[in-house]
All heavy atoms as atom14 arrays in JSON, in Angstrom:
{
  "sequence": "DLRIKRDLYAQSGISEYWVFDVDGSTMHMFDGPDGGRYRN",
  "atom14_mask": [
    [1, 1, 1, 1, 1, 1, 1, 1, 0, 0, 0, 0, 0, 0],
    [1, 1, 1, 1, 1, 1, 1, 1, 0, 0, 0, 0, 0, 0],
    [1, 1, 1, 1, 1, 1, 1, 1, 1, 1, 1, 0, 0, 0],
    [1, 1, 1, 1, 1, 1, 1, 1, 0, 0, 0, 0, 0, 0],
    [1, 1, 1, 1, 1, 1, 1, 1, 1, 0, 0, 0, 0, 0],
    [1, 1, 1, 1, 1, 1, 1, 1, 1, 1, 1, 0, 0, 0],
    [1, 1, 1, 1, 1, 1, 1, 1, 0, 0, 0, 0, 0, 0],
    [1, 1, 1, 1, 1, 1, 1, 1, 0, 0, 0, 0, 0, 0],
    [1, 1, 1, 1, 1, 1, 1, 1, 1, 1, 1, 1, 0, 0],
    [1, 1, 1, 1, 1, 0, 0, 0, 0, 0, 0, 0, 0, 0],
    [1, 1, 1, 1, 1, 1, 1, 1, 1, 0, 0, 0, 0, 0],
    [1, 1, 1, 1, 1, 1, 0, 0, 0, 0, 0, 0, 0, 0],
    [1, 1, 1, 1, 0, 0, 0, 0, 0, 0, 0, 0, 0, 0],
    [1, 1, 1, 1, 1, 1, 1, 1, 0, 0, 0, 0, 0, 0],
    [1, 1, 1, 1, 1, 1, 0, 0, 0, 0, 0, 0, 0, 0],
    [1, 1, 1, 1, 1, 1, 1, 1, 1, 0, 0, 0, 0, 0],
    [1, 1, 1, 1, 1, 1, 1, 1, 1, 1, 1, 1, 0, 0],
    [1, 1, 1, 1, 1, 1, 1, 1, 1, 1, 1, 1, 1, 1],
    [1, 1, 1, 1, 1, 1, 1, 0, 0, 0, 0, 0, 0, 0],
    [1, 1, 1, 1, 1, 1, 1, 1, 1, 1, 1, 0, 0, 0],
    [1, 1, 1, 1, 1, 1, 1, 1, 0, 0, 0, 0, 0, 0],
    [1, 1, 1, 1, 1, 1, 1, 0, 0, 0, 0, 0, 0, 0],
    [1, 1, 1, 1, 1, 1, 1, 1, 0, 0, 0, 0, 0, 0],
    [1, 1, 1, 1, 0, 0, 0, 0, 0, 0, 0, 0, 0, 0],
    [1, 1, 1, 1, 1, 1, 0, 0, 0, 0, 0, 0, 0, 0],
    [1, 1, 1, 1, 1, 1, 1, 0, 0, 0, 0, 0, 0, 0],
    [1, 1, 1, 1, 1, 1, 1, 1, 0, 0, 0, 0, 0, 0],
    [1, 1, 1, 1, 1, 1, 1, 1, 1, 1, 0, 0, 0, 0],
    [1, 1, 1, 1, 1, 1, 1, 1, 0, 0, 0, 0, 0, 0],
    [1, 1, 1, 1, 1, 1, 1, 1, 1, 1, 1, 0, 0, 0],
    [1, 1, 1, 1, 1, 1, 1, 1, 0, 0, 0, 0, 0, 0],
    [1, 1, 1, 1, 0, 0, 0, 0, 0, 0, 0, 0, 0, 0],
    [1, 1, 1, 1, 1, 1, 1, 0, 0, 0, 0, 0, 0, 0],
    [1, 1, 1, 1, 1, 1, 1, 1, 0, 0, 0, 0, 0, 0],
    [1, 1, 1, 1, 0, 0, 0, 0, 0, 0, 0, 0, 0, 0],
    [1, 1, 1, 1, 0, 0, 0, 0, 0, 0, 0, 0, 0, 0],
    [1, 1, 1, 1, 1, 1, 1, 1, 1, 1, 1, 0, 0, 0],
    [1, 1, 1, 1, 1, 1, 1, 1, 1, 1, 1, 1, 0, 0],
    [1, 1, 1, 1, 1, 1, 1, 1, 1, 1, 1, 0, 0, 0],
    [1, 1, 1, 1, 1, 1, 1, 1, 0, 0, 0, 0, 0, 0]
  ],
  "atom14_positions": [
    [[22.99, -63.77, 31.11], [21.71, -64.26, 31.63], [21.63, -65.79, 31.61], [21.05, -66.41, 32.51], [20.58, -63.64, 30.94], [20.5, -62.16, 31.18], [21.02, -61.65, 32.26], [19.85, -61.45, 30.35], [0.0, 0.0, 0.0], [0.0, 0.0, 0.0], [0.0, 0.0, 0.0], [0.0, 0.0, 0.0], [0.0, 0.0, 0.0], [0.0, 0.0, 0.0]],
    [[22.08, -66.42, 30.49], [21.92, -67.87, 30.36], [23.07, -68.68, 31.04], [22.97, -69.87, 31.1], [21.95, -68.19, 28.85], [20.67, -67.78, 28.09], [20.79, -68.16, 26.62], [19.44, -68.43, 28.73], [0.0, 0.0, 0.0], [0.0, 0.0, 0.0], [0.0, 0.0, 0.0], [0.0, 0.0, 0.0], [0.0, 0.0, 0.0], [0.0, 0.0, 0.0]],
    [[24.14, -68.01, 31.52], [25.17, -68.82, 32.17], [25.36, -68.28, 33.56], [25.01, -68.95, 34.55], [26.5, -68.74, 31.39], [26.38, -69.4, 30.05], [27.72, -69.43, 29.25], [28.53, -68.24, 29.32], [29.67, -68.16, 30.0], [30.11, -69.14, 30.56], [30.37, -67.01, 30.02], [0.0, 0.0, 0.0], [0.0, 0.0, 0.0], [0.0, 0.0, 0.0]],
    [[25.92, -67.06, 33.73], [26.25, -66.56, 35.07], [25.03, -66.39, 35.95], [24.99, -66.93, 37.12], [27.06, -65.31, 34.93], [28.41, -65.62, 34.26], [27.33, -64.63, 36.32], [29.18, -64.37, 33.83], [0.0, 0.0, 0.0], [0.0, 0.0, 0.0], [0.0, 0.0, 0.0], [0.0, 0.0, 0.0], [0.0, 0.0, 0.0], [0.0, 0.0, 0.0]],
    [[24.06, -65.69, 35.54], [22.84, -65.49, 36.3], [22.09, -66.71, 36.55], [21.55, -66.99, 37.65], [21.92, -64.38, 35.73], [22.54, -62.99, 35.89], [21.51, -61.93, 35.47], [22.03, -60.52, 35.77], [21.12, -59.53, 35.36], [0.0, 0.0, 0.0], [0.0, 0.0, 0.0], [0.0, 0.0, 0.0], [0.0, 0.0, 0.0], [0.0, 0.0, 0.0]],
    [[21.94, -67.58, 35.57], [21.25, -68.84, 35.65], [21.88, -69.63, 36.8], [21.17, -70.13, 37.67], [21.35, -69.64, 34.38], [20.71, -71.01, 34.49], [21.21, -71.92, 33.44], [22.68, -72.15, 33.61], [23.47, -72.54, 32.66], [23.07, -72.79, 31.41], [24.75, -72.73, 32.89], [0.0, 0.0, 0.0], [0.0, 0.0, 0.0], [0.0, 0.0, 0.0]],
    [[23.12, -69.75, 36.82], [23.88, -70.56, 37.84], [23.7, -69.92, 39.2], [23.47, -70.64, 40.26], [25.32, -70.75, 37.52], [25.49, -71.66, 36.3], [24.56, -72.3, 35.82], [26.69, -71.71, 35.77], [0.0, 0.0, 0.0], [0.0, 0.0, 0.0], [0.0, 0.0, 0.0], [0.0, 0.0, 0.0], [0.0, 0.0, 0.0], [0.0, 0.0, 0.0]],
    [[23.81, -68.59, 39.3], [23.61, -67.89, 40.51], [22.29, -68.1, 41.12], [22.06, -68.37, 42.37], [23.94, -66.4, 40.32], [23.85, -65.49, 41.59], [24.84, -65.84, 42.62], [24.04, -64.03, 41.14], [0.0, 0.0, 0.0], [0.0, 0.0, 0.0], [0.0, 0.0, 0.0], [0.0, 0.0, 0.0], [0.0, 0.0, 0.0], [0.0, 0.0, 0.0]],
    [[21.28, -67.99, 40.25], [19.88, -68.17, 40.74], [19.6, -69.58, 41.15], [18.92, -69.85, 42.14], [18.87, -67.75, 39.71], [18.96, -66.26, 39.34], [18.54, -65.74, 38.11], [19.37, -65.32, 40.27], [18.56, -64.41, 37.84], [19.45, -63.96, 40.05], [18.97, -63.55, 38.74], [19.04, -62.15, 38.53], [0.0, 0.0, 0.0], [0.0, 0.0, 0.0]],
    [[20.16, -70.59, 40.44], [19.94, -71.94, 40.83], [20.65, -72.24, 42.17], [20.07, -72.93, 43.01], [20.55, -72.87, 39.76], [0.0, 0.0, 0.0], [0.0, 0.0, 0.0], [0.0, 0.0, 0.0], [0.0, 0.0, 0.0], [0.0, 0.0, 0.0], [0.0, 0.0, 0.0], [0.0, 0.0, 0.0], [0.0, 0.0, 0.0], [0.0, 0.0, 0.0]],
    [[21.85, -71.74, 42.33], [22.54, -71.92, 43.56], [21.81, -71.27, 44.75], [21.9, -71.73, 45.87], [23.99, -71.35, 43.51], [24.89, -72.06, 42.59], [26.13, -71.27, 42.28], [26.38, -70.17, 42.75], [26.96, -71.82, 41.3], [0.0, 0.0, 0.0], [0.0, 0.0, 0.0], [0.0, 0.0, 0.0], [0.0, 0.0, 0.0], [0.0, 0.0, 0.0]],
    [[21.04, -70.24, 44.48], [20.31, -69.53, 45.49], [18.99, -70.18, 45.75], [18.16, -69.75, 46.64], [20.11, -68.06, 45.15], [21.4, -67.41, 45.09], [0.0, 0.0, 0.0], [0.0, 0.0, 0.0], [0.0, 0.0, 0.0], [0.0, 0.0, 0.0], [0.0, 0.0, 0.0], [0.0, 0.0, 0.0], [0.0, 0.0, 0.0], [0.0, 0.0, 0.0]],
    [[18.55, -71.21, 45.0], [17.32, -71.91, 45.19], [16.1, -71.25, 44.55], [14.99, -71.61, 44.91], [0.0, 0.0, 0.0], [0.0, 0.0, 0.0], [0.0, 0.0, 0.0], [0.0, 0.0, 0.0], [0.0, 0.0, 0.0], [0.0, 0.0, 0.0], [0.0, 0.0, 0.0], [0.0, 0.0, 0.0], [0.0, 0.0, 0.0], [0.0, 0.0, 0.0]],
    [[16.35, -70.35, 43.57], [15.17, -69.71, 42.93], [14.43, -70.82, 42.09], [15.1, -71.46, 41.28], [15.64, -68.56, 41.94], [16.37, -67.48, 42.7], [14.42, -68.06, 41.18], [15.59, -66.73, 43.75], [0.0, 0.0, 0.0], [0.0, 0.0, 0.0], [0.0, 0.0, 0.0], [0.0, 0.0, 0.0], [0.0, 0.0, 0.0], [0.0, 0.0, 0.0]],
    [[13.15, -71.06, 42.39], [12.47, -72.15, 41.85], [12.35, -72.13, 40.35], [12.39, -73.22, 39.68], [11.0, -72.18, 42.41], [10.99, -72.37, 43.77], [0.0, 0.0, 0.0], [0.0, 0.0, 0.0], [0.0, 0.0, 0.0], [0.0, 0.0, 0.0], [0.0, 0.0, 0.0], [0.0, 0.0, 0.0], [0.0, 0.0, 0.0], [0.0, 0.0, 0.0]],
    [[12.24, -70.93, 39.77], [12.02, -70.8, 38.34], [12.69, -69.59, 37.8], [12.58, -68.48, 38.46], [10.52, -70.86, 37.99], [10.17, -71.15, 36.61], [8.78, -71.56, 36.39], [8.01, -71.6, 37.26], [8.42, -71.78, 35.18], [0.0, 0.0, 0.0], [0.0, 0.0, 0.0], [0.0, 0.0, 0.0], [0.0, 0.0, 0.0], [0.0, 0.0, 0.0]],
    [[13.29, -69.69, 36.6], [14.03, -68.53, 36.05], [13.71, -68.56, 34.51], [13.92, -69.54, 33.88], [15.52, -68.71, 36.28], [16.39, -67.68, 35.61], [16.19, -66.32, 35.71], [17.53, -68.11, 34.82], [17.04, -65.42, 35.1], [18.34, -67.19, 34.24], [18.1, -65.86, 34.37], [18.92, -64.94, 33.75], [0.0, 0.0, 0.0], [0.0, 0.0, 0.0]],
    [[13.27, -67.44, 34.0], [13.02, -67.3, 32.62], [13.84, -66.2, 31.96], [14.13, -65.2, 32.58], [11.5, -66.88, 32.32], [10.52, -67.92, 32.73], [10.75, -69.09, 33.34], [9.12, -67.86, 32.4], [9.56, -69.83, 33.44], [8.59, -69.04, 32.93], [8.3, -66.88, 31.83], [7.17, -69.23, 32.83], [6.99, -67.11, 31.71], [6.41, -68.31, 32.23]],
    [[14.28, -66.45, 30.77], [15.06, -65.48, 29.99], [14.4, -65.35, 28.56], [14.33, -66.31, 27.84], [16.54, -65.88, 29.77], [17.29, -64.87, 28.96], [17.23, -66.12, 31.12], [0.0, 0.0, 0.0], [0.0, 0.0, 0.0], [0.0, 0.0, 0.0], [0.0, 0.0, 0.0], [0.0, 0.0, 0.0], [0.0, 0.0, 0.0], [0.0, 0.0, 0.0]],
    [[13.93, -64.11, 28.26], [13.44, -63.86, 26.94], [14.6, -63.31, 26.08], [15.2, -62.26, 26.33], [12.28, -62.91, 26.95], [11.7, -62.65, 25.5], [11.0, -63.66, 24.96], [11.93, -61.47, 24.9], [10.46, -63.5, 23.7], [11.4, -61.3, 23.55], [10.69, -62.3, 23.0], [0.0, 0.0, 0.0], [0.0, 0.0, 0.0], [0.0, 0.0, 0.0]],
    [[14.95, -64.05, 25.03], [15.99, -63.66, 24.09], [15.4, -62.81, 23.02], [14.66, -63.33, 22.14], [16.57, -64.94, 23.5], [17.62, -64.73, 22.34], [17.89, -63.48, 22.1], [18.09, -65.68, 21.78], [0.0, 0.0, 0.0], [0.0, 0.0, 0.0], [0.0, 0.0, 0.0], [0.0, 0.0, 0.0], [0.0, 0.0, 0.0], [0.0, 0.0, 0.0]],
    [[15.61, -61.53, 23.05], [14.98, -60.58, 22.18], [15.38, -60.86, 20.7], [14.55, -60.98, 19.78], [15.37, -59.12, 22.55], [14.85, -58.14, 21.51], [14.81, -58.79, 23.88], [0.0, 0.0, 0.0], [0.0, 0.0, 0.0], [0.0, 0.0, 0.0], [0.0, 0.0, 0.0], [0.0, 0.0, 0.0], [0.0, 0.0, 0.0], [0.0, 0.0, 0.0]],
    [[16.68, -60.98, 20.48], [17.18, -61.25, 19.11], [16.73, -62.62, 18.56], [16.41, -62.75, 17.34], [18.72, -61.18, 19.03], [19.18, -59.77, 19.31], [18.41, -58.81, 19.07], [20.29, -59.57, 19.81], [0.0, 0.0, 0.0], [0.0, 0.0, 0.0], [0.0, 0.0, 0.0], [0.0, 0.0, 0.0], [0.0, 0.0, 0.0], [0.0, 0.0, 0.0]],
    [[16.71, -63.64, 19.38], [16.29, -65.0, 18.92], [14.78, -65.29, 18.96], [14.31, -66.3, 18.57], [0.0, 0.0, 0.0], [0.0, 0.0, 0.0], [0.0, 0.0, 0.0], [0.0, 0.0, 0.0], [0.0, 0.0, 0.0], [0.0, 0.0, 0.0], [0.0, 0.0, 0.0], [0.0, 0.0, 0.0], [0.0, 0.0, 0.0], [0.0, 0.0, 0.0]],
    [[14.04, -64.34, 19.56], [12.61, -64.46, 19.75], [12.23, -65.82, 20.4], [11.38, -66.49, 19.95], [11.91, -64.31, 18.44], [12.05, -63.0, 17.86], [0.0, 0.0, 0.0], [0.0, 0.0, 0.0], [0.0, 0.0, 0.0], [0.0, 0.0, 0.0], [0.0, 0.0, 0.0], [0.0, 0.0, 0.0], [0.0, 0.0, 0.0], [0.0, 0.0, 0.0]],
    [[12.96, -66.16, 21.53], [12.67, -67.33, 22.24], [12.7, -67.11, 23.73], [13.3, -66.07, 24.2], [13.72, -68.44, 21.94], [15.02, -67.95, 22.27], [13.68, -68.89, 20.49], [0.0, 0.0, 0.0], [0.0, 0.0, 0.0], [0.0, 0.0, 0.0], [0.0, 0.0, 0.0], [0.0, 0.0, 0.0], [0.0, 0.0, 0.0], [0.0, 0.0, 0.0]],
    [[11.95, -67.87, 24.47], [11.91, -67.81, 25.88], [12.57, -69.09, 26.42], [12.25, -70.16, 26.05], [10.51, -67.75, 26.42], [10.39, -67.7, 27.92], [10.71, -66.05, 28.6], [9.15, -65.24, 28.35], [0.0, 0.0, 0.0], [0.0, 0.0, 0.0], [0.0, 0.0, 0.0], [0.0, 0.0, 0.0], [0.0, 0.0, 0.0], [0.0, 0.0, 0.0]],
    [[13.62, -68.88, 27.27], [14.25, -70.0, 27.9], [13.67, -70.06, 29.35], [13.63, -69.1, 30.07], [15.79, -69.76, 28.09], [16.54, -69.69, 26.77], [17.15, -70.83, 26.24], [16.62, -68.69, 25.83], [17.71, -70.51, 25.09], [17.36, -69.29, 24.8], [0.0, 0.0, 0.0], [0.0, 0.0, 0.0], [0.0, 0.0, 0.0], [0.0, 0.0, 0.0]],
    [[13.19, -71.25, 29.7], [12.57, -71.52, 31.03], [13.3, -72.54, 31.79], [13.43, -73.7, 31.33], [11.08, -71.82, 30.79], [10.3, -70.74, 30.08], [8.69, -71.29, 29.53], [9.17, -72.39, 28.17], [0.0, 0.0, 0.0], [0.0, 0.0, 0.0], [0.0, 0.0, 0.0], [0.0, 0.0, 0.0], [0.0, 0.0, 0.0], [0.0, 0.0, 0.0]],
    [[13.79, -72.15, 32.94], [14.55, -73.13, 33.83], [13.79, -73.33, 35.07], [13.13, -72.41, 35.58], [15.91, -72.49, 34.12], [16.77, -72.16, 32.99], [16.75, -70.87, 32.45], [17.63, -73.13, 32.45], [17.53, -70.62, 31.33], [18.43, -72.85, 31.4], [18.4, -71.57, 30.81], [0.0, 0.0, 0.0], [0.0, 0.0, 0.0], [0.0, 0.0, 0.0]],
    [[13.8, -74.56, 35.55], [13.18, -74.88, 36.87], [13.8, -76.11, 37.53], [14.63, -76.81, 36.81], [11.63, -75.03, 36.75], [11.28, -76.23, 35.98], [11.16, -77.33, 36.59], [11.06, -76.18, 34.8], [0.0, 0.0, 0.0], [0.0, 0.0, 0.0], [0.0, 0.0, 0.0], [0.0, 0.0, 0.0], [0.0, 0.0, 0.0], [0.0, 0.0, 0.0]],
    [[13.55, -76.32, 38.69], [14.08, -77.51, 39.45], [15.57, -77.3, 39.89], [16.41, -78.15, 39.49], [0.0, 0.0, 0.0], [0.0, 0.0, 0.0], [0.0, 0.0, 0.0], [0.0, 0.0, 0.0], [0.0, 0.0, 0.0], [0.0, 0.0, 0.0], [0.0, 0.0, 0.0], [0.0, 0.0, 0.0], [0.0, 0.0, 0.0], [0.0, 0.0, 0.0]],
    [[15.8, -76.28, 40.61], [17.22, -76.14, 41.13], [17.66, -77.3, 41.91], [16.95, -77.8, 42.77], [17.17, -74.83, 41.98], [15.74, -74.71, 42.43], [14.93, -75.34, 41.26], [0.0, 0.0, 0.0], [0.0, 0.0, 0.0], [0.0, 0.0, 0.0], [0.0, 0.0, 0.0], [0.0, 0.0, 0.0], [0.0, 0.0, 0.0], [0.0, 0.0, 0.0]],
    [[18.88, -77.8, 41.56], [19.42, -79.0, 42.23], [20.92, -78.92, 42.21], [21.45, -78.98, 41.04], [18.86, -80.22, 41.54], [19.34, -81.49, 42.26], [19.54, -81.49, 43.44], [19.37, -82.55, 41.54], [0.0, 0.0, 0.0], [0.0, 0.0, 0.0], [0.0, 0.0, 0.0], [0.0, 0.0, 0.0], [0.0, 0.0, 0.0], [0.0, 0.0, 0.0]],
    [[21.57, -78.78, 43.29], [23.04, -78.82, 43.32], [23.67, -77.69, 42.53], [24.73, -77.85, 41.96], [0.0, 0.0, 0.0], [0.0, 0.0, 0.0], [0.0, 0.0, 0.0], [0.0, 0.0, 0.0], [0.0, 0.0, 0.0], [0.0, 0.0, 0.0], [0.0, 0.0, 0.0], [0.0, 0.0, 0.0], [0.0, 0.0, 0.0], [0.0, 0.0, 0.0]],
    [[23.02, -76.5, 42.53], [23.58, -75.39, 41.89], [23.31, -75.3, 40.44], [23.76, -74.37, 39.74], [0.0, 0.0, 0.0], [0.0, 0.0, 0.0], [0.0, 0.0, 0.0], [0.0, 0.0, 0.0], [0.0, 0.0, 0.0], [0.0, 0.0, 0.0], [0.0, 0.0, 0.0], [0.0, 0.0, 0.0], [0.0, 0.0, 0.0], [0.0, 0.0, 0.0]],
    [[22.43, -76.18, 39.94], [22.07, -76.17, 38.54], [20.5, -76.36, 38.4], [19.96, -76.89, 39.37], [22.79, -77.32, 37.72], [24.17, -77.25, 37.61], [24.58, -76.32, 36.54], [25.99, -76.39, 36.23], [26.56, -75.61, 35.43], [25.88, -74.65, 34.83], [27.83, -75.67, 35.17], [0.0, 0.0, 0.0], [0.0, 0.0, 0.0], [0.0, 0.0, 0.0]],
    [[19.93, -76.0, 37.26], [18.58, -76.29, 37.07], [18.55, -77.63, 36.36], [19.19, -77.82, 35.35], [17.9, -75.21, 36.25], [17.61, -73.94, 36.98], [18.41, -72.84, 36.86], [16.57, -73.87, 37.94], [18.09, -71.66, 37.6], [16.3, -72.78, 38.67], [17.03, -71.64, 38.5], [16.8, -70.52, 39.24], [0.0, 0.0, 0.0], [0.0, 0.0, 0.0]],
    [[17.56, -78.45, 36.8], [17.34, -79.78, 36.19], [16.67, -79.65, 34.76], [16.92, -80.45, 33.91], [16.56, -80.68, 37.05], [17.3, -81.24, 38.23], [16.43, -82.26, 39.02], [15.09, -81.8, 39.27], [14.72, -81.31, 40.45], [15.55, -81.08, 41.45], [13.43, -80.93, 40.63], [0.0, 0.0, 0.0], [0.0, 0.0, 0.0], [0.0, 0.0, 0.0]],
    [[15.79, -78.69, 34.65], [14.94, -78.57, 33.49], [15.22, -77.26, 32.72], [15.29, -76.2, 33.36], [13.46, -78.64, 33.85], [13.2, -79.92, 34.67], [13.56, -80.98, 34.28], [12.54, -79.75, 35.84], [0.0, 0.0, 0.0], [0.0, 0.0, 0.0], [0.0, 0.0, 0.0], [0.0, 0.0, 0.0], [0.0, 0.0, 0.0], [0.0, 0.0, 0.0]]
  ]
}
């Protein structure tokens, strides 16, 4: 989710992508797709 899907979604222009890490009890929030990566 944090590597393959993140890059796939950024390349597809998905504006925002969130991943809730159950074991780590954290939310990863990505936005700003640019050149196949998220800026933020």
